[in-house]
Amino acid sequence: MGLRGKTALVTGATGALGRIIARRLAGEGARVIITYRESIPAGVIPPGMKKHYIAIRADLTSEESVSGLFRRIEIVSKRADILVNAAGGYAGGTPVASTSPDEWHQMM
């Protein structure tokens, strides 16, 4: 792949899928910006790989927080070349046909 010099934004990197993708991108030489809502769980940033990661706190359900995320990305990296949106949630047990617009917005 050869991603040296590229910056990737990986939302949901504190979850299993996002974590795997972030590690692969960093392993290929990309600088990886990860988002987290509360705190970063242990093991998200692999030992010896800290120089490849930038962690930014952001609540992706808030427009204001997302705008702040984009401002921070401009400051630390100028731009993101790659976007991986692995963040998301599930309204637990609600059939899709019964999902309210608010629940749908939260999941997406």
PDB file of N, CA and C in Angstrom:
ATOM      1  N   MET A   1       0.821  -1.196   0.000  1.00  0.00           N
ATOM      2  CA  MET A   1       0.000   0.000   0.000  1.00  0.00           C
ATOM      3  C   MET A   1       0.864   1.259   0.000  1.00  0.00           C
ATOM      4  N   GLY A   2       1.807   1.369   0.913  1.00  0.00           N
ATOM      5  CA  GLY A   2       2.684   2.520   0.965  1.00  0.00           C
ATOM      6  C   GLY A   2       1.947   3.821   1.221  1.00  0.00           C
ATOM      7  N   LEU A   3       1.599   4.068   2.456  1.00  0.00           N
ATOM      8  CA  LEU A   3       0.809   5.260   2.804  1.00  0.00           C
ATOM      9  C   LEU A   3       1.632   6.330   3.517  1.00  0.00           C
ATOM     10  N   ARG A   4       2.940   6.226   3.449  1.00  0.00           N
ATOM     11  CA  ARG A   4       3.797   7.219   4.080  1.00  0.00           C
ATOM     12  C   ARG A   4       3.446   8.609   3.541  1.00  0.00           C
ATOM     13  N   GLY A   5       3.277   9.566   4.454  1.00  0.00           N
ATOM     14  CA  GLY A   5       2.923  10.925   4.066  1.00  0.00           C
ATOM     15  C   GLY A   5       1.435  11.183   3.967  1.00  0.00           C
ATOM     16  N   LYS A   6       0.626  10.158   4.103  1.00  0.00           N
ATOM     17  CA  LYS A   6      -0.837  10.296   4.059  1.00  0.00           C
ATOM     18  C   LYS A   6      -1.390  10.354   5.475  1.00  0.00           C
ATOM     19  N   THR A   7      -2.523  11.020   5.616  1.00  0.00           N
ATOM     20  CA  THR A   7      -3.213  11.095   6.900  1.00  0.00           C
ATOM     21  C   THR A   7      -4.578  10.450   6.762  1.00  0.00           C
ATOM     22  N   ALA A   8      -4.906   9.562   7.700  1.00  0.00           N
ATOM     23  CA  ALA A   8      -6.193   8.875   7.709  1.00  0.00           C
ATOM     24  C   ALA A   8      -6.966   9.259   8.963  1.00  0.00           C
ATOM     25  N   LEU A   9      -8.237   9.579   8.789  1.00  0.00           N
ATOM     26  CA  LEU A   9      -9.148   9.802   9.908  1.00  0.00           C
ATOM     27  C   LEU A   9      -9.965   8.531  10.072  1.00  0.00           C
ATOM     28  N   VAL A  10      -9.868   7.910  11.249  1.00  0.00           N
ATOM     29  CA  VAL A  10     -10.616   6.689  11.531  1.00  0.00           C
ATOM     30  C   VAL A  10     -11.540   6.967  12.716  1.00  0.00           C
ATOM     31  N   THR A  11     -12.833   7.070  12.427  1.00  0.00           N
ATOM     32  CA  THR A  11     -13.795   7.200  13.513  1.00  0.00           C
ATOM     33  C   THR A  11     -14.122   5.798  13.994  1.00  0.00           C
ATOM     34  N   GLY A  12     -14.420   5.658  15.257  1.00  0.00           N
ATOM     35  CA  GLY A  12     -14.743   4.347  15.796  1.00  0.00           C
ATOM     36  C   GLY A  12     -13.521   3.464  16.000  1.00  0.00           C
ATOM     37  N   ALA A  13     -12.333   4.063  16.094  1.00  0.00           N
ATOM     38  CA  ALA A  13     -11.108   3.280  16.261  1.00  0.00           C
ATOM     39  C   ALA A  13     -10.989   2.670  17.650  1.00  0.00           C
ATOM     40  N   THR A  14     -11.886   3.016  18.560  1.00  0.00           N
ATOM     41  CA  THR A  14     -11.862   2.379  19.873  1.00  0.00           C
ATOM     42  C   THR A  14     -12.651   1.069  19.861  1.00  0.00           C
ATOM     43  N   GLY A  15     -13.367   0.811  18.769  1.00  0.00           N
ATOM     44  CA  GLY A  15     -14.071  -0.460  18.599  1.00  0.00           C
ATOM     45  C   GLY A  15     -13.208  -1.444  17.832  1.00  0.00           C
ATOM     46  N   ALA A  16     -13.655  -2.677  17.757  1.00  0.00           N
ATOM     47  CA  ALA A  16     -12.845  -3.746  17.164  1.00  0.00           C
ATOM     48  C   ALA A  16     -12.493  -3.484  15.699  1.00  0.00           C
ATOM     49  N   LEU A  17     -13.478  -3.213  14.865  1.00  0.00           N
ATOM     50  CA  LEU A  17     -13.222  -3.026  13.436  1.00  0.00           C
ATOM     51  C   LEU A  17     -12.367  -1.789  13.181  1.00  0.00           C
ATOM     52  N   GLY A  18     -12.733  -0.659  13.783  1.00  0.00           N
ATOM     53  CA  GLY A  18     -11.966   0.571  13.609  1.00  0.00           C
ATOM     54  C   GLY A  18     -10.536   0.427  14.093  1.00  0.00           C
ATOM     55  N   ARG A  19     -10.346  -0.299  15.174  1.00  0.00           N
ATOM     56  CA  ARG A  19      -9.001  -0.524  15.732  1.00  0.00           C
ATOM     57  C   ARG A  19      -8.134  -1.298  14.742  1.00  0.00           C
ATOM     58  N   ILE A  20      -8.681  -2.345  14.150  1.00  0.00           N
ATOM     59  CA  ILE A  20      -7.944  -3.154  13.180  1.00  0.00           C
ATOM     60  C   ILE A  20      -7.559  -2.310  11.967  1.00  0.00           C
ATOM     61  N   ILE A  21      -8.500  -1.526  11.472  1.00  0.00           N
ATOM     62  CA  ILE A  21      -8.234  -0.683  10.308  1.00  0.00           C
ATOM     63  C   ILE A  21      -7.172   0.362  10.633  1.00  0.00           C
ATOM     64  N   ALA A  22      -7.280   1.001  11.794  1.00  0.00           N
ATOM     65  CA  ALA A  22      -6.301   2.020  12.194  1.00  0.00           C
ATOM     66  C   ALA A  22      -4.904   1.417  12.282  1.00  0.00           C
ATOM     67  N   ARG A  23      -4.804   0.230  12.858  1.00  0.00           N
ATOM     68  CA  ARG A  23      -3.496  -0.427  12.981  1.00  0.00           C
ATOM     69  C   ARG A  23      -2.898  -0.743  11.619  1.00  0.00           C
ATOM     70  N   ARG A  24      -3.742  -1.182  10.704  1.00  0.00           N
ATOM     71  CA  ARG A  24      -3.245  -1.511   9.359  1.00  0.00           C
ATOM     72  C   ARG A  24      -2.750  -0.253   8.658  1.00  0.00           C
ATOM     73  N   LEU A  25      -3.511   0.816   8.747  1.00  0.00           N
ATOM     74  CA  LEU A  25      -3.110   2.075   8.121  1.00  0.00           C
ATOM     75  C   LEU A  25      -1.797   2.581   8.716  1.00  0.00           C
ATOM     76  N   ALA A  26      -1.680   2.539  10.036  1.00  0.00           N
ATOM     77  CA  ALA A  26      -0.443   2.977  10.692  1.00  0.00           C
ATOM     78  C   ALA A  26       0.720   2.075  10.290  1.00  0.00           C
ATOM     79  N   GLY A  27       0.460   0.789  10.184  1.00  0.00           N
ATOM     80  CA  GLY A  27       1.490  -0.156   9.781  1.00  0.00           C
ATOM     81  C   GLY A  27       1.990   0.084   8.361  1.00  0.00           C
ATOM     82  N   GLU A  28       1.143   0.676   7.541  1.00  0.00           N
ATOM     83  CA  GLU A  28       1.512   1.004   6.167  1.00  0.00           C
ATOM     84  C   GLU A  28       2.153   2.388   6.068  1.00  0.00           C
ATOM     85  N   GLY A  29       2.332   3.046   7.234  1.00  0.00           N
ATOM     86  CA  GLY A  29       3.035   4.322   7.255  1.00  0.00           C
ATOM     87  C   GLY A  29       2.179   5.564   7.358  1.00  0.00           C
ATOM     88  N   ALA A  30       0.866   5.420   7.389  1.00  0.00           N
ATOM     89  CA  ALA A  30      -0.017   6.591   7.484  1.00  0.00           C
ATOM     90  C   ALA A  30       0.000   7.169   8.892  1.00  0.00           C
ATOM     91  N   ARG A  31      -0.206   8.453   8.967  1.00  0.00           N
ATOM     92  CA  ARG A  31      -0.483   9.107  10.243  1.00  0.00           C
ATOM     93  C   ARG A  31      -1.978   8.910  10.446  1.00  0.00           C
ATOM     94  N   VAL A  32      -2.369   8.402  11.606  1.00  0.00           N
ATOM     95  CA  VAL A  32      -3.763   8.035  11.841  1.00  0.00           C
ATOM     96  C   VAL A  32      -4.361   8.919  12.928  1.00  0.00           C
ATOM     97  N   ILE A  33      -5.426   9.610  12.560  1.00  0.00           N
ATOM     98  CA  ILE A  33      -6.180  10.395  13.538  1.00  0.00           C
ATOM     99  C   ILE A  33      -7.360   9.538  13.970  1.00  0.00           C
ATOM    100  N   ILE A  34      -7.456   9.277  15.268  1.00  0.00           N
ATOM    101  CA  ILE A  34      -8.578   8.507  15.783  1.00  0.00           C
ATOM    102  C   ILE A  34      -9.438   9.411  16.657  1.00  0.00           C
ATOM    103  N   THR A  35     -10.721   9.116  16.676  1.00  0.00           N
ATOM    104  CA  THR A  35     -11.630   9.868  17.529  1.00  0.00           C
ATOM    105  C   THR A  35     -12.091   8.971  18.672  1.00  0.00           C
ATOM    106  N   TYR A  36     -12.419   9.622  19.759  1.00  0.00           N
ATOM    107  CA  TYR A  36     -12.981   8.908  20.906  1.00  0.00           C
ATOM    108  C   TYR A  36     -13.967   9.842  21.579  1.00  0.00           C
ATOM    109  N   ARG A  37     -14.974   9.264  22.227  1.00  0.00           N
ATOM    110  CA  ARG A  37     -15.998  10.085  22.869  1.00  0.00           C
ATOM    111  C   ARG A  37     -15.673  10.380  24.328  1.00  0.00           C
ATOM    112  N   GLU A  38     -15.317   9.362  25.090  1.00  0.00           N
ATOM    113  CA  GLU A  38     -15.077   9.527  26.526  1.00  0.00           C
ATOM    114  C   GLU A  38     -13.593   9.420  26.863  1.00  0.00           C
ATOM    115  N   SER A  39     -13.032   8.240  26.621  1.00  0.00           N
ATOM    116  CA  SER A  39     -11.617   8.003  26.881  1.00  0.00           C
ATOM    117  C   SER A  39     -11.146   6.915  25.921  1.00  0.00           C
ATOM    118  N   ILE A  40      -9.842   6.813  25.786  1.00  0.00           N
ATOM    119  CA  ILE A  40      -9.280   5.809  24.889  1.00  0.00           C
ATOM    120  C   ILE A  40      -8.995   4.541  25.692  1.00  0.00           C
ATOM    121  N   PRO A  41      -9.656   3.444  25.340  1.00  0.00           N
ATOM    122  CA  PRO A  41      -9.392   2.193  26.052  1.00  0.00           C
ATOM    123  C   PRO A  41      -7.951   1.726  25.843  1.00  0.00           C
ATOM    124  N   ALA A  42      -7.430   1.014  26.827  1.00  0.00           N
ATOM    125  CA  ALA A  42      -6.073   0.468  26.728  1.00  0.00           C
ATOM    126  C   ALA A  42      -5.970  -0.413  25.491  1.00  0.00           C
ATOM    127  N   GLY A  43      -4.845  -0.338  24.826  1.00  0.00           N
ATOM    128  CA  GLY A  43      -4.591  -1.197  23.682  1.00  0.00           C
ATOM    129  C   GLY A  43      -5.022  -0.654  22.340  1.00  0.00           C
ATOM    130  N   VAL A  44      -5.716   0.474  22.329  1.00  0.00           N
ATOM    131  CA  VAL A  44      -6.143   1.042  21.049  1.00  0.00           C
ATOM    132  C   VAL A  44      -4.929   1.496  20.244  1.00  0.00           C
ATOM    133  N   ILE A  45      -4.007   2.178  20.906  1.00  0.00           N
ATOM    134  CA  ILE A  45      -2.773   2.594  20.248  1.00  0.00           C
ATOM    135  C   ILE A  45      -1.701   1.574  20.638  1.00  0.00           C
ATOM    136  N   PRO A  46      -1.216   0.811  19.653  1.00  0.00           N
ATOM    137  CA  PRO A  46      -0.240  -0.235  19.963  1.00  0.00           C
ATOM    138  C   PRO A  46       1.074   0.331  20.491  1.00  0.00           C
ATOM    139  N   PRO A  47       1.722  -0.388  21.394  1.00  0.00           N
ATOM    140  CA  PRO A  47       3.033   0.053  21.884  1.00  0.00           C
ATOM    141  C   PRO A  47       3.993   0.227  20.710  1.00  0.00           C
ATOM    142  N   GLY A  48       4.773   1.268  20.758  1.00  0.00           N
ATOM    143  CA  GLY A  48       5.735   1.535  19.701  1.00  0.00           C
ATOM    144  C   GLY A  48       5.160   2.228  18.487  1.00  0.00           C
ATOM    145  N   MET A  49       3.852   2.485  18.477  1.00  0.00           N
ATOM    146  CA  MET A  49       3.212   3.109  17.312  1.00  0.00           C
ATOM    147  C   MET A  49       2.671   4.502  17.625  1.00  0.00           C
ATOM    148  N   LYS A  50       2.927   5.019  18.819  1.00  0.00           N
ATOM    149  CA  LYS A  50       2.349   6.299  19.227  1.00  0.00           C
ATOM    150  C   LYS A  50       2.660   7.430  18.262  1.00  0.00           C
ATOM    151  N   LYS A  51       3.836   7.390  17.628  1.00  0.00           N
ATOM    152  CA  LYS A  51       4.203   8.482  16.717  1.00  0.00           C
ATOM    153  C   LYS A  51       3.312   8.508  15.476  1.00  0.00           C
ATOM    154  N   HIS A  52       2.595   7.419  15.197  1.00  0.00           N
ATOM    155  CA  HIS A  52       1.710   7.355  14.040  1.00  0.00           C
ATOM    156  C   HIS A  52       0.280   7.800  14.344  1.00  0.00           C
ATOM    157  N   TYR A  53      -0.029   8.021  15.622  1.00  0.00           N
ATOM    158  CA  TYR A  53      -1.407   8.296  16.031  1.00  0.00           C
ATOM    159  C   TYR A  53      -1.592   9.700  16.593  1.00  0.00           C
ATOM    160  N   ILE A  54      -2.744  10.270  16.297  1.00  0.00           N
ATOM    161  CA  ILE A  54      -3.220  11.491  16.944  1.00  0.00           C
ATOM    162  C   ILE A  54      -4.638  11.179  17.412  1.00  0.00           C
ATOM    163  N   ALA A  55      -4.909  11.362  18.686  1.00  0.00           N
ATOM    164  CA  ALA A  55      -6.234  11.085  19.235  1.00  0.00           C
ATOM    165  C   ALA A  55      -6.945  12.406  19.516  1.00  0.00           C
ATOM    166  N   ILE A  56      -8.174  12.517  19.019  1.00  0.00           N
ATOM    167  CA  ILE A  56      -8.959  13.736  19.207  1.00  0.00           C
ATOM    168  C   ILE A  56     -10.314  13.349  19.794  1.00  0.00           C
ATOM    169  N   ARG A  57     -10.652  13.977  20.897  1.00  0.00           N
ATOM    170  CA  ARG A  57     -11.954  13.725  21.516  1.00  0.00           C
ATOM    171  C   ARG A  57     -13.041  14.401  20.688  1.00  0.00           C
ATOM    172  N   ALA A  58     -14.076  13.637  20.337  1.00  0.00           N
ATOM    173  CA  ALA A  58     -15.178  14.179  19.547  1.00  0.00           C
ATOM    174  C   ALA A  58     -16.423  13.332  19.759  1.00  0.00           C
ATOM    175  N   ASP A  59     -17.543  14.009  19.916  1.00  0.00           N
ATOM    176  CA  ASP A  59     -18.838  13.339  19.970  1.00  0.00           C
ATOM    177  C   ASP A  59     -19.429  13.464  18.577  1.00  0.00           C
ATOM    178  N   LEU A  60     -19.426  12.390  17.825  1.00  0.00           N
ATOM    179  CA  LEU A  60     -19.841  12.441  16.430  1.00  0.00           C
ATOM    180  C   LEU A  60     -21.337  12.619  16.245  1.00  0.00           C
ATOM    181  N   THR A  61     -22.098  12.637  17.336  1.00  0.00           N
ATOM    182  CA  THR A  61     -23.533  12.915  17.245  1.00  0.00           C
ATOM    183  C   THR A  61     -23.818  14.405  17.378  1.00  0.00           C
ATOM    184  N   SER A  62     -22.775  15.198  17.599  1.00  0.00           N
ATOM    185  CA  SER A  62     -22.923  16.643  17.788  1.00  0.00           C
ATOM    186  C   SER A  62     -22.266  17.402  16.639  1.00  0.00           C
ATOM    187  N   GLU A  63     -23.055  18.202  15.923  1.00  0.00           N
ATOM    188  CA  GLU A  63     -22.509  18.997  14.812  1.00  0.00           C
ATOM    189  C   GLU A  63     -21.392  19.914  15.294  1.00  0.00           C
ATOM    190  N   GLU A  64     -21.578  20.505  16.452  1.00  0.00           N
ATOM    191  CA  GLU A  64     -20.563  21.407  17.007  1.00  0.00           C
ATOM    192  C   GLU A  64     -19.251  20.658  17.264  1.00  0.00           C
ATOM    193  N   SER A  65     -19.352  19.462  17.817  1.00  0.00           N
ATOM    194  CA  SER A  65     -18.170  18.665  18.092  1.00  0.00           C
ATOM    195  C   SER A  65     -17.482  18.227  16.796  1.00  0.00           C
ATOM    196  N   VAL A  66     -18.245  17.858  15.792  1.00  0.00           N
ATOM    197  CA  VAL A  66     -17.676  17.455  14.506  1.00  0.00           C
ATOM    198  C   VAL A  66     -16.982  18.643  13.838  1.00  0.00           C
ATOM    199  N   SER A  67     -17.585  19.816  13.916  1.00  0.00           N
ATOM    200  CA  SER A  67     -16.933  21.019  13.379  1.00  0.00           C
ATOM    201  C   SER A  67     -15.603  21.261  14.081  1.00  0.00           C
ATOM    202  N   GLY A  68     -15.581  21.080  15.397  1.00  0.00           N
ATOM    203  CA  GLY A  68     -14.344  21.210  16.161  1.00  0.00           C
ATOM    204  C   GLY A  68     -13.315  20.174  15.743  1.00  0.00           C
ATOM    205  N   LEU A  69     -13.769  18.962  15.449  1.00  0.00           N
ATOM    206  CA  LEU A  69     -12.877  17.902  14.975  1.00  0.00           C
ATOM    207  C   LEU A  69     -12.199  18.337  13.675  1.00  0.00           C
ATOM    208  N   PHE A  70     -12.987  18.859  12.735  1.00  0.00           N
ATOM    209  CA  PHE A  70     -12.412  19.281  11.457  1.00  0.00           C
ATOM    210  C   PHE A  70     -11.431  20.435  11.630  1.00  0.00           C
ATOM    211  N   ARG A  71     -11.732  21.349  12.543  1.00  0.00           N
ATOM    212  CA  ARG A  71     -10.785  22.448  12.818  1.00  0.00           C
ATOM    213  C   ARG A  71      -9.472  21.892  13.372  1.00  0.00           C
ATOM    214  N   ARG A  72      -9.555  20.927  14.279  1.00  0.00           N
ATOM    215  CA  ARG A  72      -8.346  20.316  14.853  1.00  0.00           C
ATOM    216  C   ARG A  72      -7.543  19.581  13.789  1.00  0.00           C
ATOM    217  N   ILE A  73      -8.237  18.890  12.891  1.00  0.00           N
ATOM    218  CA  ILE A  73      -7.530  18.177  11.818  1.00  0.00           C
ATOM    219  C   ILE A  73      -6.748  19.168  10.966  1.00  0.00           C
ATOM    220  N   GLU A  74      -7.347  20.313  10.647  1.00  0.00           N
ATOM    221  CA  GLU A  74      -6.652  21.336   9.867  1.00  0.00           C
ATOM    222  C   GLU A  74      -5.401  21.812  10.582  1.00  0.00           C
ATOM    223  N   ILE A  75      -5.470  21.932  11.901  1.00  0.00           N
ATOM    224  CA  ILE A  75      -4.329  22.414  12.681  1.00  0.00           C
ATOM    225  C   ILE A  75      -3.213  21.372  12.727  1.00  0.00           C
ATOM    226  N   VAL A  76      -3.553  20.124  13.017  1.00  0.00           N
ATOM    227  CA  VAL A  76      -2.518  19.114  13.229  1.00  0.00           C
ATOM    228  C   VAL A  76      -2.015  18.458  11.947  1.00  0.00           C
ATOM    229  N   SER A  77      -2.822  18.501  10.891  1.00  0.00           N
ATOM    230  CA  SER A  77      -2.420  17.746   9.715  1.00  0.00           C
ATOM    231  C   SER A  77      -2.725  18.433   8.386  1.00  0.00           C
ATOM    232  N   LYS A  78      -3.372  19.559   8.420  1.00  0.00           N
ATOM    233  CA  LYS A  78      -3.801  20.284   7.217  1.00  0.00           C
ATOM    234  C   LYS A  78      -4.992  19.629   6.523  1.00  0.00           C
ATOM    235  N   ARG A  79      -4.972  18.276   6.408  1.00  0.00           N
ATOM    236  CA  ARG A  79      -6.090  17.594   5.745  1.00  0.00           C
ATOM    237  C   ARG A  79      -6.056  16.119   6.093  1.00  0.00           C
ATOM    238  N   ALA A  80      -7.133  15.441   5.765  1.00  0.00           N
ATOM    239  CA  ALA A  80      -7.180  13.981   5.867  1.00  0.00           C
ATOM    240  C   ALA A  80      -7.299  13.437   4.448  1.00  0.00           C
ATOM    241  N   ASP A  81      -6.422  12.535   4.082  1.00  0.00           N
ATOM    242  CA  ASP A  81      -6.433  11.935   2.753  1.00  0.00           C
ATOM    243  C   ASP A  81      -7.375  10.742   2.676  1.00  0.00           C
ATOM    244  N   ILE A  82      -7.587  10.100   3.820  1.00  0.00           N
ATOM    245  CA  ILE A  82      -8.375   8.866   3.892  1.00  0.00           C
ATOM    246  C   ILE A  82      -9.392   9.024   5.023  1.00  0.00           C
ATOM    247  N   LEU A  83     -10.627   8.613   4.774  1.00  0.00           N
ATOM    248  CA  LEU A  83     -11.654   8.611   5.817  1.00  0.00           C
ATOM    249  C   LEU A  83     -12.202   7.204   5.959  1.00  0.00           C
ATOM    250  N   VAL A  84     -12.175   6.712   7.187  1.00  0.00           N
ATOM    251  CA  VAL A  84     -12.805   5.435   7.514  1.00  0.00           C
ATOM    252  C   VAL A  84     -13.818   5.728   8.612  1.00  0.00           C
ATOM    253  N   ASN A  85     -15.091   5.581   8.299  1.00  0.00           N
ATOM    254  CA  ASN A  85     -16.138   5.838   9.280  1.00  0.00           C
ATOM    255  C   ASN A  85     -16.602   4.513   9.860  1.00  0.00           C
ATOM    256  N   ALA A  86     -15.935   4.100  10.937  1.00  0.00           N
ATOM    257  CA  ALA A  86     -16.281   2.844  11.595  1.00  0.00           C
ATOM    258  C   ALA A  86     -17.088   3.096  12.869  1.00  0.00           C
ATOM    259  N   ALA A  87     -17.413   4.342  13.145  1.00  0.00           N
ATOM    260  CA  ALA A  87     -18.206   4.668  14.339  1.00  0.00           C
ATOM    261  C   ALA A  87     -19.670   4.369  14.058  1.00  0.00           C
ATOM    262  N   GLY A  88     -20.355   4.013  15.077  1.00  0.00           N
ATOM    263  CA  GLY A  88     -21.783   3.774  14.927  1.00  0.00           C
ATOM    264  C   GLY A  88     -22.329   3.114  16.161  1.00  0.00           C
ATOM    265  N   GLY A  89     -23.596   2.999  16.193  1.00  0.00           N
ATOM    266  CA  GLY A  89     -24.248   2.369  17.322  1.00  0.00           C
ATOM    267  C   GLY A  89     -25.488   1.669  16.833  1.00  0.00           C
ATOM    268  N   TYR A  90     -26.105   0.973  17.721  1.00  0.00           N
ATOM    269  CA  TYR A  90     -27.318   0.250  17.372  1.00  0.00           C
ATOM    270  C   TYR A  90     -28.331   0.465  18.474  1.00  0.00           C
ATOM    271  N   ALA A  91     -29.562   0.712  18.091  1.00  0.00           N
ATOM    272  CA  ALA A  91     -30.619   1.010  19.042  1.00  0.00           C
ATOM    273  C   ALA A  91     -31.133  -0.250  19.733  1.00  0.00           C
ATOM    274  N   GLY A  92     -30.332  -1.265  19.805  1.00  0.00           N
ATOM    275  CA  GLY A  92     -30.580  -2.493  20.551  1.00  0.00           C
ATOM    276  C   GLY A  92     -31.972  -3.067  20.505  1.00  0.00           C
ATOM    277  N   GLY A  93     -32.231  -3.962  19.599  1.00  0.00           N
ATOM    278  CA  GLY A  93     -33.477  -4.695  19.572  1.00  0.00           C
ATOM    279  C   GLY A  93     -34.615  -4.020  18.828  1.00  0.00           C
ATOM    280  N   THR A  94     -34.439  -2.789  18.414  1.00  0.00           N
ATOM    281  CA  THR A  94     -35.496  -2.098  17.688  1.00  0.00           C
ATOM    282  C   THR A  94     -35.467  -2.532  16.224  1.00  0.00           C
ATOM    283  N   PRO A  95     -36.563  -3.071  15.712  1.00  0.00           N
ATOM    284  CA  PRO A  95     -36.583  -3.419  14.284  1.00  0.00           C
ATOM    285  C   PRO A  95     -36.386  -2.154  13.435  1.00  0.00           C
ATOM    286  N   VAL A  96     -35.724  -2.305  12.309  1.00  0.00           N
ATOM    287  CA  VAL A  96     -35.427  -1.154  11.457  1.00  0.00           C
ATOM    288  C   VAL A  96     -36.694  -0.372  11.126  1.00  0.00           C
ATOM    289  N   ALA A  97     -37.781  -1.072  10.818  1.00  0.00           N
ATOM    290  CA  ALA A  97     -39.037  -0.399  10.454  1.00  0.00           C
ATOM    291  C   ALA A  97     -39.611   0.429  11.596  1.00  0.00           C
ATOM    292  N   SER A  98     -39.214   0.128  12.835  1.00  0.00           N
ATOM    293  CA  SER A  98     -39.723   0.854  14.005  1.00  0.00           C
ATOM    294  C   SER A  98     -38.752   1.897  14.528  1.00  0.00           C
ATOM    295  N   THR A  99     -37.614   2.050  13.864  1.00  0.00           N
ATOM    296  CA  THR A  99     -36.597   2.994  14.315  1.00  0.00           C
ATOM    297  C   THR A  99     -37.070   4.422  14.065  1.00  0.00           C
ATOM    298  N   SER A 100     -37.023   5.236  15.088  1.00  0.00           N
ATOM    299  CA  SER A 100     -37.438   6.629  14.946  1.00  0.00           C
ATOM    300  C   SER A 100     -36.344   7.417  14.230  1.00  0.00           C
ATOM    301  N   PRO A 101     -36.696   8.572  13.654  1.00  0.00           N
ATOM    302  CA  PRO A 101     -35.678   9.417  13.015  1.00  0.00           C
ATOM    303  C   PRO A 101     -34.541   9.783  13.978  1.00  0.00           C
ATOM    304  N   ASP A 102     -34.864  10.050  15.243  1.00  0.00           N
ATOM    305  CA  ASP A 102     -33.817  10.368  16.216  1.00  0.00           C
ATOM    306  C   ASP A 102     -32.888   9.180  16.458  1.00  0.00           C
ATOM    307  N   GLU A 103     -33.436   7.969  16.575  1.00  0.00           N
ATOM    308  CA  GLU A 103     -32.613   6.777  16.758  1.00  0.00           C
ATOM    309  C   GLU A 103     -31.738   6.540  15.522  1.00  0.00           C
ATOM    310  N   TRP A 104     -32.314   6.730  14.342  1.00  0.00           N
ATOM    311  CA  TRP A 104     -31.559   6.557  13.106  1.00  0.00           C
ATOM    312  C   TRP A 104     -30.392   7.539  13.052  1.00  0.00           C
ATOM    313  N   HIS A 105     -30.638   8.782  13.405  1.00  0.00           N
ATOM    314  CA  HIS A 105     -29.596   9.798  13.406  1.00  0.00           C
ATOM    315  C   HIS A 105     -28.475   9.422  14.384  1.00  0.00           C
ATOM    316  N   GLN A 106     -28.833   8.920  15.556  1.00  0.00           N
ATOM    317  CA  GLN A 106     -27.832   8.510  16.534  1.00  0.00           C
ATOM    318  C   GLN A 106     -26.968   7.372  16.004  1.00  0.00           C
ATOM    319  N   MET A 107     -27.600   6.410  15.311  1.00  0.00           N
ATOM    320  CA  MET A 107     -26.854   5.264  14.784  1.00  0.00           C
ATOM    321  C   MET A 107     -25.921   5.679  13.649  1.00  0.00           C
ATOM    322  N   MET A 108     -26.391   6.565  12.823  1.00  0.00           N
ATOM    323  CA  MET A 108     -25.601   6.944  11.645  1.00  0.00           C
ATOM    324  C   MET A 108     -24.641   8.053  11.975  1.00  0.00           C
TER     325      MET A 108
END
